[in-house]
N, C-alpha and C. Protein backbone atom coordinates (compact mmCIF):
# COMPACT_ATOMS: atom_id res chain seq x y z
N MET A 1 -17.91 -62.97 -41.99
CA MET A 1 -17.07 -63.72 -42.56
C MET A 1 -16.30 -62.35 -43.40
N SER A 2 -15.96 -61.30 -42.33
CA SER A 2 -14.67 -60.14 -43.31
C SER A 2 -13.31 -61.06 -43.28
N GLY A 3 -12.70 -60.44 -44.10
CA GLY A 3 -11.66 -60.94 -44.42
C GLY A 3 -11.89 -62.15 -45.23
N ASP A 4 -12.17 -63.10 -45.69
CA ASP A 4 -12.25 -64.02 -46.44
C ASP A 4 -12.65 -64.02 -48.36
N SER A 5 -13.65 -63.25 -48.17
CA SER A 5 -13.98 -62.95 -49.93
C SER A 5 -12.90 -61.61 -50.70
N PRO A 6 -12.55 -61.42 -51.71
CA PRO A 6 -11.43 -60.41 -52.40
C PRO A 6 -12.40 -59.06 -51.92
N TRP A 7 -13.95 -59.56 -52.35
CA TRP A 7 -14.84 -58.27 -52.75
C TRP A 7 -15.31 -57.44 -51.00
N ASP A 8 -14.63 -58.43 -50.53
CA ASP A 8 -14.45 -57.50 -48.92
C ASP A 8 -13.46 -57.25 -48.93
N PRO A 9 -14.19 -55.17 -48.58
CA PRO A 9 -12.88 -54.18 -48.07
C PRO A 9 -11.77 -54.94 -47.23
N ALA A 10 -13.07 -55.38 -46.27
CA ALA A 10 -12.10 -55.39 -45.19
C ALA A 10 -10.99 -56.78 -45.08
N SER A 11 -10.86 -56.87 -46.13
CA SER A 11 -10.14 -58.50 -46.20
C SER A 11 -9.32 -57.48 -46.62
N SER A 12 -7.64 -58.09 -46.72
CA SER A 12 -5.94 -57.89 -47.13
C SER A 12 -5.83 -58.34 -48.11
N ASP A 13 -6.35 -59.52 -48.52
CA ASP A 13 -5.87 -59.75 -49.63
C ASP A 13 -7.10 -59.14 -51.24
N GLY A 14 -8.09 -58.97 -50.53
CA GLY A 14 -8.83 -58.14 -51.62
C GLY A 14 -8.16 -56.56 -52.28
N ARG A 15 -7.80 -55.98 -50.98
CA ARG A 15 -7.32 -54.86 -50.73
C ARG A 15 -5.46 -54.97 -51.79
N GLU A 16 -5.08 -56.07 -51.49
CA GLU A 16 -3.30 -56.17 -51.63
C GLU A 16 -3.56 -57.22 -53.50
N GLU A 17 -5.30 -57.35 -53.71
CA GLU A 17 -5.17 -57.55 -54.93
C GLU A 17 -5.35 -56.69 -55.77
N THR A 18 -6.40 -55.49 -54.99
CA THR A 18 -6.59 -54.49 -56.19
C THR A 18 -5.42 -53.20 -56.08
N ARG A 19 -4.77 -53.28 -55.36
CA ARG A 19 -3.22 -52.57 -55.48
C ARG A 19 -2.54 -52.50 -56.58
N GLN A 20 -2.45 -54.78 -56.65
CA GLN A 20 -1.45 -55.53 -57.51
C GLN A 20 -2.42 -54.59 -58.78
N GLN A 21 -3.58 -54.52 -58.76
CA GLN A 21 -3.56 -54.34 -60.64
C GLN A 21 -3.96 -53.44 -61.09
N TRP A 22 -3.52 -51.86 -59.42
CA TRP A 22 -3.94 -50.71 -60.04
C TRP A 22 -2.55 -50.12 -60.56
N THR A 23 -1.36 -51.48 -59.94
CA THR A 23 0.49 -50.99 -60.22
C THR A 23 0.30 -51.14 -61.67
N ARG A 24 -0.31 -52.89 -62.14
CA ARG A 24 0.45 -53.07 -63.69
C ARG A 24 -0.96 -52.20 -64.29
N LYS A 25 -1.62 -52.04 -64.17
CA LYS A 25 -2.69 -51.61 -65.48
C LYS A 25 -1.75 -49.73 -65.21
N ARG A 26 -1.89 -49.22 -64.19
CA ARG A 26 -1.55 -47.48 -64.71
C ARG A 26 0.19 -47.54 -64.79
N THR A 27 0.02 -46.30 -65.58
CA THR A 27 1.81 -46.39 -65.45
C THR A 27 2.38 -45.16 -64.50
N THR A 28 3.58 -45.35 -64.29
CA THR A 28 4.15 -44.61 -62.93
C THR A 28 3.48 -42.84 -62.76
N PHE A 29 3.57 -42.70 -64.23
CA PHE A 29 2.91 -41.03 -64.02
C PHE A 29 1.64 -41.00 -63.30
N GLN A 30 1.03 -41.76 -63.50
CA GLN A 30 -0.62 -42.03 -64.12
C GLN A 30 -1.20 -42.18 -61.90
N ARG A 31 0.05 -43.11 -61.54
CA ARG A 31 -0.11 -43.40 -60.23
C ARG A 31 0.27 -42.57 -59.44
N VAL A 32 1.16 -41.76 -59.69
CA VAL A 32 1.30 -40.36 -58.99
C VAL A 32 0.43 -39.33 -58.66
N TYR A 33 0.17 -39.49 -60.16
CA TYR A 33 -0.94 -38.70 -60.10
C TYR A 33 -2.75 -38.72 -59.38
N ASP A 34 -2.67 -39.95 -59.02
CA ASP A 34 -3.79 -40.96 -58.83
C ASP A 34 -3.57 -40.46 -56.95
N VAL A 35 -2.07 -40.50 -56.69
CA VAL A 35 -2.05 -40.06 -54.83
C VAL A 35 -2.20 -38.48 -55.45
N ILE A 36 -1.14 -38.19 -55.96
CA ILE A 36 -1.26 -36.28 -55.60
C ILE A 36 -2.61 -35.73 -55.18
N THR A 37 -3.38 -36.15 -56.16
CA THR A 37 -5.09 -35.70 -56.01
C THR A 37 -5.13 -35.76 -54.73
N GLY A 38 -4.93 -36.32 -53.63
CA GLY A 38 -5.18 -36.59 -52.58
C GLY A 38 -4.41 -35.97 -51.66
N VAL A 39 -3.41 -35.23 -51.95
CA VAL A 39 -2.51 -34.58 -51.10
C VAL A 39 -2.40 -32.70 -50.77
N THR A 40 -2.68 -32.87 -49.57
CA THR A 40 -3.39 -31.45 -49.61
C THR A 40 -2.19 -30.62 -48.98
N GLU A 41 -1.28 -31.87 -48.06
CA GLU A 41 -0.56 -31.05 -47.84
C GLU A 41 1.07 -31.25 -47.92
N TYR A 42 2.18 -30.45 -47.86
CA TYR A 42 2.93 -30.55 -48.38
C TYR A 42 3.49 -31.75 -48.48
N THR A 43 4.77 -32.13 -48.98
CA THR A 43 4.97 -34.30 -49.05
C THR A 43 5.89 -34.44 -49.58
N GLY A 44 7.09 -34.45 -49.11
CA GLY A 44 8.22 -35.43 -50.21
C GLY A 44 8.04 -36.21 -51.16
N ALA A 45 9.10 -36.52 -52.20
CA ALA A 45 8.72 -37.40 -53.32
C ALA A 45 8.85 -39.06 -52.76
N SER A 46 9.61 -39.33 -51.57
CA SER A 46 9.68 -40.28 -51.43
C SER A 46 8.31 -40.94 -50.74
N ALA A 47 7.81 -40.35 -50.01
CA ALA A 47 6.71 -40.74 -49.38
C ALA A 47 5.42 -40.82 -50.68
N ILE A 48 5.51 -40.02 -51.68
CA ILE A 48 4.03 -40.31 -52.47
C ILE A 48 5.09 -41.49 -53.07
N ALA A 49 6.18 -41.47 -53.54
CA ALA A 49 6.13 -42.80 -54.22
C ALA A 49 6.44 -44.11 -53.23
N ASP A 50 6.32 -44.07 -52.30
CA ASP A 50 5.37 -44.61 -50.98
C ASP A 50 4.62 -45.41 -51.99
N ARG A 51 3.71 -43.99 -51.85
CA ARG A 51 1.74 -44.26 -52.13
C ARG A 51 1.95 -44.83 -53.39
N ALA A 52 2.64 -44.42 -54.15
CA ALA A 52 2.22 -44.56 -55.71
C ALA A 52 3.41 -45.41 -56.27
N ASP A 53 3.72 -46.45 -55.49
CA ASP A 53 4.40 -47.14 -55.61
C ASP A 53 5.91 -47.91 -56.81
N CYS A 54 6.22 -46.96 -56.49
CA CYS A 54 7.07 -46.40 -57.35
C CYS A 54 8.79 -46.06 -56.73
N SER A 55 9.67 -45.78 -57.91
CA SER A 55 10.72 -45.16 -57.49
C SER A 55 10.56 -43.70 -56.46
N THR A 56 11.31 -43.60 -55.79
CA THR A 56 11.43 -41.48 -55.56
C THR A 56 12.03 -41.13 -57.17
N ASP A 57 12.72 -41.58 -57.63
CA ASP A 57 13.12 -40.99 -58.82
C ASP A 57 12.31 -40.62 -59.28
N GLY A 58 11.37 -42.35 -60.13
CA GLY A 58 9.54 -41.85 -60.91
C GLY A 58 9.22 -40.74 -60.12
N ALA A 59 8.43 -41.33 -58.77
CA ALA A 59 7.57 -40.06 -58.34
C ALA A 59 8.36 -38.95 -58.45
N ARG A 60 9.58 -38.37 -58.58
CA ARG A 60 10.48 -37.37 -58.45
C ARG A 60 9.99 -36.56 -60.20
N ASP A 61 10.34 -36.42 -61.02
CA ASP A 61 10.31 -37.09 -62.39
C ASP A 61 8.94 -36.36 -62.60
N ALA A 62 7.47 -37.69 -62.05
CA ALA A 62 6.53 -37.08 -62.47
C ALA A 62 6.15 -35.90 -61.88
N LEU A 63 6.67 -35.78 -60.67
CA LEU A 63 5.73 -34.89 -59.73
C LEU A 63 5.85 -33.45 -60.49
N THR A 64 7.76 -33.32 -61.15
CA THR A 64 8.10 -32.32 -61.51
C THR A 64 7.28 -31.89 -63.23
N GLN A 65 6.93 -32.44 -63.87
CA GLN A 65 6.06 -32.88 -64.98
C GLN A 65 4.28 -32.09 -64.86
N LEU A 66 4.41 -32.61 -62.92
CA LEU A 66 2.83 -32.11 -62.82
C LEU A 66 2.75 -30.67 -62.75
N ALA A 67 4.09 -30.65 -62.32
CA ALA A 67 4.13 -28.97 -61.54
C ALA A 67 3.78 -28.32 -62.72
N GLU A 68 5.23 -28.81 -63.56
CA GLU A 68 5.53 -27.70 -64.92
C GLU A 68 3.72 -27.74 -65.90
N MET A 69 3.05 -28.38 -65.22
CA MET A 69 1.44 -28.31 -66.01
C MET A 69 0.19 -27.78 -65.11
N GLY A 70 0.72 -27.13 -63.57
CA GLY A 70 0.62 -26.79 -62.94
C GLY A 70 -0.60 -27.04 -61.94
N ILE A 71 -0.46 -28.53 -62.31
CA ILE A 71 -1.59 -29.66 -61.34
C ILE A 71 -0.94 -29.93 -60.02
N VAL A 72 0.23 -29.55 -59.78
CA VAL A 72 1.20 -29.62 -58.17
C VAL A 72 1.69 -28.46 -58.35
N ASP A 73 1.82 -27.97 -56.56
CA ASP A 73 2.41 -26.82 -56.35
C ASP A 73 3.86 -27.55 -55.63
N HIS A 74 4.92 -26.98 -55.64
CA HIS A 74 6.15 -26.82 -55.28
C HIS A 74 6.84 -26.34 -54.11
N ARG A 75 7.57 -26.93 -53.72
CA ARG A 75 7.76 -26.13 -52.49
C ARG A 75 9.71 -27.15 -52.61
N GLU A 76 10.63 -25.47 -53.21
CA GLU A 76 11.91 -26.02 -52.47
C GLU A 76 12.47 -26.40 -51.94
N GLY A 77 13.59 -26.98 -50.75
CA GLY A 77 14.17 -27.24 -49.86
C GLY A 77 14.69 -29.24 -49.92
N ARG A 78 15.10 -29.32 -48.76
CA ARG A 78 15.81 -30.51 -48.89
C ARG A 78 15.05 -31.59 -47.86
N PRO A 79 14.37 -32.37 -48.48
CA PRO A 79 14.04 -32.32 -49.44
C PRO A 79 13.02 -31.73 -50.22
N ALA A 80 12.56 -31.94 -51.21
CA ALA A 80 11.75 -30.93 -52.14
C ALA A 80 10.13 -31.48 -51.86
N GLU A 81 9.50 -30.37 -51.66
CA GLU A 81 8.04 -31.23 -51.38
C GLU A 81 6.97 -30.58 -52.53
N TYR A 82 6.05 -31.33 -52.60
CA TYR A 82 4.55 -31.88 -53.13
C TYR A 82 3.13 -31.63 -52.44
N ARG A 83 2.69 -30.91 -53.08
CA ARG A 83 1.07 -30.54 -53.12
C ARG A 83 0.37 -30.80 -54.32
N ARG A 84 -1.11 -31.03 -53.87
CA ARG A 84 -2.00 -30.46 -54.93
C ARG A 84 -2.11 -29.36 -55.41
N ASN A 85 -2.12 -28.98 -56.24
CA ASN A 85 -2.86 -27.36 -56.75
C ASN A 85 -4.21 -26.84 -56.72
N GLU A 86 -4.38 -26.08 -56.05
CA GLU A 86 -6.31 -26.50 -55.39
C GLU A 86 -7.00 -25.39 -56.31
N SER A 87 -6.33 -24.84 -56.79
CA SER A 87 -6.30 -23.83 -57.97
C SER A 87 -6.96 -24.41 -59.57
N TYR A 88 -5.54 -25.20 -59.31
CA TYR A 88 -6.13 -26.15 -60.70
C TYR A 88 -7.29 -27.35 -60.62
N PHE A 89 -7.58 -27.61 -59.23
CA PHE A 89 -8.59 -28.80 -58.90
C PHE A 89 -10.71 -27.53 -59.31
N GLN A 90 -10.15 -26.74 -58.73
CA GLN A 90 -10.91 -25.61 -58.93
C GLN A 90 -11.49 -25.41 -60.05
N TRP A 91 -10.30 -24.91 -61.15
CA TRP A 91 -10.71 -24.58 -62.39
C TRP A 91 -11.58 -25.65 -62.83
N LYS A 92 -10.90 -27.45 -63.06
CA LYS A 92 -11.22 -28.30 -63.79
C LYS A 92 -12.46 -28.71 -63.32
N ARG A 93 -13.17 -28.23 -62.29
CA ARG A 93 -14.10 -28.47 -61.28
C ARG A 93 -15.36 -27.44 -61.98
N VAL A 94 -14.67 -26.15 -62.12
CA VAL A 94 -15.48 -25.16 -63.18
C VAL A 94 -15.95 -25.23 -64.76
N GLU A 95 -14.52 -26.20 -65.23
CA GLU A 95 -15.36 -26.25 -66.86
C GLU A 95 -15.89 -27.36 -66.86
N ARG A 96 -15.93 -28.62 -66.03
CA ARG A 96 -16.91 -29.68 -65.87
C ARG A 96 -17.95 -29.03 -65.47
N LEU A 97 -18.03 -28.10 -64.99
CA LEU A 97 -20.03 -28.26 -64.92
C LEU A 97 -20.32 -27.43 -66.29
N ALA A 98 -19.17 -26.03 -65.98
CA ALA A 98 -19.75 -25.75 -67.60
C ALA A 98 -20.20 -26.37 -68.92
N ASP A 99 -19.38 -27.72 -68.66
CA ASP A 99 -19.91 -28.44 -70.09
C ASP A 99 -20.35 -29.14 -69.94
N GLU A 100 -21.32 -29.65 -68.56
CA GLU A 100 -22.18 -30.88 -68.33
C GLU A 100 -23.48 -30.16 -68.20
N HIS A 101 -23.45 -28.91 -68.14
CA HIS A 101 -25.00 -27.80 -67.90
C HIS A 101 -25.24 -26.83 -68.48
N THR A 102 -26.19 -26.85 -68.74
CA THR A 102 -26.96 -24.96 -69.71
C THR A 102 -26.12 -24.16 -68.61
N HIS A 103 -26.56 -23.13 -69.44
CA HIS A 103 -26.26 -21.83 -68.66
C HIS A 103 -27.27 -21.89 -67.34
N ALA A 104 -28.30 -21.64 -68.29
CA ALA A 104 -29.84 -21.81 -67.67
C ALA A 104 -29.53 -22.86 -66.24
N GLU A 105 -29.55 -24.49 -66.59
CA GLU A 105 -28.69 -25.10 -65.43
C GLU A 105 -28.23 -24.22 -63.90
N LEU A 106 -27.21 -24.35 -64.84
CA LEU A 106 -26.33 -23.38 -63.62
C LEU A 106 -26.77 -22.55 -63.35
N ARG A 107 -27.53 -21.64 -63.33
CA ARG A 107 -27.91 -20.13 -63.50
C ARG A 107 -28.88 -20.65 -61.93
N GLU A 108 -30.35 -21.42 -62.23
CA GLU A 108 -30.92 -22.14 -61.70
C GLU A 108 -30.50 -22.89 -60.23
N ARG A 109 -29.36 -23.47 -60.43
CA ARG A 109 -28.57 -23.94 -58.97
C ARG A 109 -27.78 -22.96 -58.46
N LEU A 110 -27.70 -22.16 -59.37
CA LEU A 110 -26.87 -20.97 -58.25
C LEU A 110 -27.89 -19.94 -57.73
N ASP A 111 -29.48 -19.63 -58.31
CA ASP A 111 -29.99 -18.70 -57.32
C ASP A 111 -30.85 -19.45 -56.66
N GLN A 112 -30.66 -21.23 -56.32
CA GLN A 112 -31.21 -22.39 -54.90
C GLN A 112 -29.83 -21.49 -53.69
N LEU A 113 -28.87 -21.71 -54.16
CA LEU A 113 -28.07 -21.57 -53.20
C LEU A 113 -27.81 -20.36 -52.14
N LEU A 114 -28.56 -19.23 -53.38
CA LEU A 114 -28.35 -18.07 -52.59
C LEU A 114 -28.92 -17.78 -52.12
N GLU A 115 -30.34 -18.58 -52.18
CA GLU A 115 -31.32 -18.58 -51.41
C GLU A 115 -31.35 -18.84 -50.24
N GLU A 116 -30.41 -20.75 -50.24
CA GLU A 116 -29.83 -20.90 -49.21
C GLU A 116 -29.09 -20.30 -48.43
N ASP A 117 -28.33 -19.14 -48.68
CA ASP A 117 -26.78 -18.64 -47.94
C ASP A 117 -28.13 -17.84 -47.56
N ALA A 118 -29.16 -17.19 -48.00
CA ALA A 118 -29.57 -16.57 -47.20
C ALA A 118 -30.60 -16.76 -46.07
N ASP A 119 -31.55 -17.82 -46.31
CA ASP A 119 -31.45 -18.47 -45.19
C ASP A 119 -30.67 -18.99 -43.89
N PHE A 120 -29.87 -18.78 -44.52
CA PHE A 120 -28.17 -19.65 -43.02
C PHE A 120 -28.45 -17.98 -42.70
N GLN A 121 -28.14 -16.68 -43.40
CA GLN A 121 -27.69 -15.29 -42.58
C GLN A 121 -28.98 -15.34 -41.70
N GLN A 122 -29.93 -15.42 -42.13
CA GLN A 122 -31.58 -14.74 -41.31
C GLN A 122 -31.27 -15.78 -39.95
N SER A 123 -31.11 -17.07 -40.01
CA SER A 123 -31.09 -18.09 -38.92
C SER A 123 -29.88 -17.67 -38.06
N PHE A 124 -28.33 -17.63 -39.00
CA PHE A 124 -27.10 -17.52 -37.99
C PHE A 124 -27.36 -15.40 -37.37
N GLY A 125 -27.99 -15.26 -38.08
CA GLY A 125 -28.28 -13.32 -37.86
C GLY A 125 -26.46 -12.49 -37.68
N VAL A 126 -25.77 -13.93 -39.12
CA VAL A 126 -24.75 -12.49 -39.35
C VAL A 126 -25.06 -13.12 -40.90
N PRO A 127 -23.59 -12.33 -41.35
CA PRO A 127 -23.57 -12.89 -42.44
C PRO A 127 -22.74 -13.40 -43.55
N SER A 128 -22.02 -14.08 -42.66
CA SER A 128 -20.94 -15.62 -42.75
C SER A 128 -21.07 -16.92 -42.04
N PRO A 129 -20.37 -17.68 -42.61
CA PRO A 129 -20.32 -18.61 -41.42
C PRO A 129 -19.01 -18.03 -40.67
N ASP A 130 -18.22 -17.45 -40.50
CA ASP A 130 -17.23 -17.20 -40.34
C ASP A 130 -17.07 -16.36 -39.25
N SER A 131 -18.57 -15.40 -39.13
CA SER A 131 -18.85 -14.42 -37.85
C SER A 131 -19.72 -15.35 -36.86
N VAL A 132 -19.91 -16.31 -37.14
CA VAL A 132 -20.94 -17.39 -36.86
C VAL A 132 -19.91 -17.44 -34.84
N GLU A 133 -20.29 -16.85 -33.76
CA GLU A 133 -19.81 -16.68 -32.53
C GLU A 133 -19.43 -18.63 -32.25
N VAL A 134 -18.61 -18.83 -32.30
CA VAL A 134 -18.55 -20.25 -31.05
C VAL A 134 -19.41 -20.38 -29.26
N ALA A 135 -19.28 -19.66 -29.46
CA ALA A 135 -20.54 -19.77 -27.77
C ALA A 135 -21.81 -19.70 -28.32
N ARG A 136 -22.04 -19.19 -29.07
CA ARG A 136 -23.41 -19.28 -29.59
C ARG A 136 -23.96 -20.96 -30.08
N ILE A 137 -22.29 -21.50 -31.05
CA ILE A 137 -22.57 -23.29 -31.27
C ILE A 137 -23.11 -23.99 -29.73
N GLU A 138 -21.94 -23.41 -29.09
CA GLU A 138 -22.10 -25.18 -27.84
C GLU A 138 -22.60 -24.37 -26.61
N ASP A 139 -23.77 -23.49 -27.01
CA ASP A 139 -24.39 -23.10 -25.58
C ASP A 139 -25.71 -24.35 -26.35
N GLY A 140 -26.41 -25.46 -25.54
CA GLY A 140 -27.38 -25.88 -25.85
C GLY A 140 -27.00 -27.70 -25.50
N GLU A 141 -28.03 -27.91 -25.84
CA GLU A 141 -27.90 -29.91 -25.44
C GLU A 141 -26.83 -30.45 -26.50
N HIS A 142 -26.66 -31.25 -26.40
CA HIS A 142 -25.49 -31.85 -27.35
C HIS A 142 -25.93 -31.80 -29.00
N ALA A 143 -27.47 -32.99 -28.76
CA ALA A 143 -28.12 -32.69 -30.08
C ALA A 143 -28.46 -31.19 -30.92
N ALA A 144 -28.64 -30.64 -30.27
CA ALA A 144 -29.15 -28.93 -30.44
C ALA A 144 -27.40 -28.56 -31.01
N ILE A 145 -26.53 -28.30 -30.45
CA ILE A 145 -25.32 -28.45 -31.14
C ILE A 145 -24.58 -28.63 -31.66
N HIS A 146 -25.22 -30.24 -32.37
CA HIS A 146 -24.77 -31.37 -32.89
C HIS A 146 -25.25 -30.47 -34.35
N ASP A 147 -26.72 -30.34 -34.57
CA ASP A 147 -27.74 -29.50 -35.14
C ASP A 147 -27.18 -28.40 -35.80
N ARG A 148 -26.61 -27.44 -34.98
CA ARG A 148 -26.05 -26.29 -34.97
C ARG A 148 -24.56 -26.19 -35.97
N LEU A 149 -23.84 -27.44 -35.72
CA LEU A 149 -22.58 -27.52 -36.17
C LEU A 149 -22.50 -28.61 -37.55
N LYS A 150 -23.68 -28.51 -37.62
CA LYS A 150 -24.24 -29.04 -38.72
C LYS A 150 -24.92 -28.65 -40.19
N SER A 151 -25.66 -27.58 -39.84
CA SER A 151 -26.11 -26.09 -40.33
C SER A 151 -24.76 -25.61 -40.74
N LEU A 152 -24.14 -25.68 -39.76
CA LEU A 152 -22.44 -24.60 -40.32
C LEU A 152 -21.81 -25.00 -41.55
N SER A 153 -21.41 -26.74 -41.08
CA SER A 153 -21.18 -27.25 -41.76
C SER A 153 -21.69 -27.08 -43.27
N ARG A 154 -23.22 -26.81 -43.49
CA ARG A 154 -23.56 -26.73 -44.32
C ARG A 154 -23.89 -25.98 -45.42
N TRP A 155 -23.74 -24.75 -44.58
CA TRP A 155 -23.16 -22.88 -44.74
C TRP A 155 -22.01 -22.15 -45.21
N ARG A 156 -21.48 -23.27 -45.09
CA ARG A 156 -19.52 -23.59 -45.55
C ARG A 156 -19.55 -23.91 -46.84
N THR A 157 -20.35 -25.39 -47.46
CA THR A 157 -20.21 -26.05 -48.65
C THR A 157 -20.92 -24.53 -49.35
N VAL A 158 -22.15 -24.63 -49.05
CA VAL A 158 -23.08 -23.98 -49.74
C VAL A 158 -22.18 -22.57 -50.21
N ARG A 159 -21.69 -21.93 -49.04
CA ARG A 159 -20.78 -20.55 -49.85
C ARG A 159 -19.18 -21.19 -50.51
N HIS A 160 -19.33 -22.36 -50.51
CA HIS A 160 -17.82 -23.09 -51.58
C HIS A 160 -18.68 -22.95 -53.26
N ASP A 161 -19.77 -23.58 -52.83
CA ASP A 161 -20.50 -23.95 -54.07
C ASP A 161 -20.58 -22.59 -54.62
N ILE A 162 -21.65 -21.76 -54.09
CA ILE A 162 -22.14 -20.33 -54.69
C ILE A 162 -20.43 -19.70 -55.35
N GLU A 163 -19.94 -19.90 -54.45
CA GLU A 163 -18.20 -20.03 -55.64
C GLU A 163 -17.85 -20.21 -56.94
N LEU A 164 -17.90 -21.59 -56.45
CA LEU A 164 -17.96 -22.85 -58.16
C LEU A 164 -18.61 -22.17 -59.17
N LEU A 165 -20.21 -21.87 -58.69
CA LEU A 165 -21.29 -21.88 -59.24
C LEU A 165 -21.28 -20.49 -60.36
N GLN A 166 -21.02 -20.03 -59.52
CA GLN A 166 -19.70 -18.50 -60.33
C GLN A 166 -19.45 -18.74 -61.41
N ARG A 167 -18.05 -19.13 -61.10
CA ARG A 167 -17.60 -18.89 -62.07
C ARG A 167 -17.98 -19.46 -62.96
N ALA A 168 -18.41 -20.82 -63.57
CA ALA A 168 -19.37 -21.85 -63.65
C ALA A 168 -19.95 -21.29 -65.35
N VAL A 169 -21.15 -20.21 -64.44
CA VAL A 169 -22.04 -20.02 -64.88
C VAL A 169 -21.70 -18.72 -65.63
N SER A 170 -20.77 -17.78 -65.25
CA SER A 170 -19.32 -17.18 -66.48
C SER A 170 -19.22 -17.90 -67.33
N ARG A 171 -18.56 -18.58 -67.21
CA ARG A 171 -17.79 -19.93 -68.42
C ARG A 171 -18.82 -20.23 -69.15
N ALA A 172 -20.20 -21.33 -68.37
CA ALA A 172 -20.84 -21.07 -69.58
C ALA A 172 -21.61 -20.28 -70.60
N ALA A 173 -21.95 -18.84 -70.02
CA ALA A 173 -22.36 -17.94 -70.64
C ALA A 173 -21.11 -17.41 -71.70
N ASP A 174 -20.69 -17.52 -71.60
CA ASP A 174 -18.80 -17.43 -72.37
C ASP A 174 -18.61 -18.42 -73.44
N GLN A 175 -19.11 -19.89 -72.78
CA GLN A 175 -19.49 -20.25 -73.86
C GLN A 175 -20.11 -20.39 -75.38
N GLN A 176 -21.81 -20.35 -74.45
CA GLN A 176 -22.72 -19.92 -75.23
C GLN A 176 -22.85 -19.17 -76.40
N ARG A 177 -22.52 -17.85 -75.83
CA ARG A 177 -21.74 -16.57 -76.62
C ARG A 177 -21.16 -16.92 -77.56
N ASP A 178 -20.00 -17.69 -77.59
CA ASP A 178 -19.59 -18.35 -78.31
C ASP A 178 -19.64 -19.15 -79.48
N GLY A 179 -20.65 -19.88 -78.83
CA GLY A 179 -21.21 -20.52 -79.63
C GLY A 179 -20.37 -21.97 -79.28
N GLY A 180 -19.89 -22.57 -78.12
CA GLY A 180 -19.46 -23.87 -77.96
C GLY A 180 -17.96 -24.11 -77.37
N ASP A 181 -17.43 -24.49 -77.25
CA ASP A 181 -16.06 -24.92 -76.01
C ASP A 181 -14.98 -24.10 -76.51
N LEU A 182 -14.47 -23.08 -75.37
CA LEU A 182 -13.75 -22.12 -75.51
C LEU A 182 -11.81 -22.88 -75.75
N GLY A 183 -12.58 -23.90 -75.24
CA GLY A 183 -10.95 -24.58 -74.78
C GLY A 183 -10.41 -25.53 -76.64
N ALA A 184 -11.77 -25.57 -77.60
CA ALA A 184 -11.09 -26.35 -78.24
C ALA A 184 -10.50 -25.85 -78.76
N SER A 185 -10.15 -24.72 -79.41
CA SER A 185 -10.00 -23.80 -79.83
C SER A 185 -8.64 -23.14 -79.35
N ALA A 186 -8.04 -23.97 -77.84
CA ALA A 186 -6.91 -23.17 -77.38
C ALA A 186 -5.59 -24.84 -78.09
């Protein structure tokens, strides 16, 4: 029954209807923001405009504002190119974690991840996922290789999450010490 229902993700009619609703309900600025959050490689304003369903000038204006706000990285050139500012989104994630969880909850989760990281170090016999030799992973049967690659990917995720949680723990401690949200006074 694929393609017959507007609720079917494989239905081109359903996708088009969703896109039209998105275009009607969101401003050009909001649509450009929605698009740029997924852009990790430098991309020209015209390509972003196509995806945001707006004019190139409209996209360029929104991208300029987003760059001034620190949400977007801008690279000069002809044409100028833009991508999401990873630092901004990491900062935003840290703020959200600190706002949504107590210092104790964050600390507990951080301790769990540090323990998991130590287990990975022991399992792989190296101090970090980047120290794992490819030859050690590729030696063995397909299922074993798949399991090692999956573990290595998880270890990288754990390291990333540890970094974010360390910052969130510090931020939550600042909020707790100062009696609330530091950002509210800014």
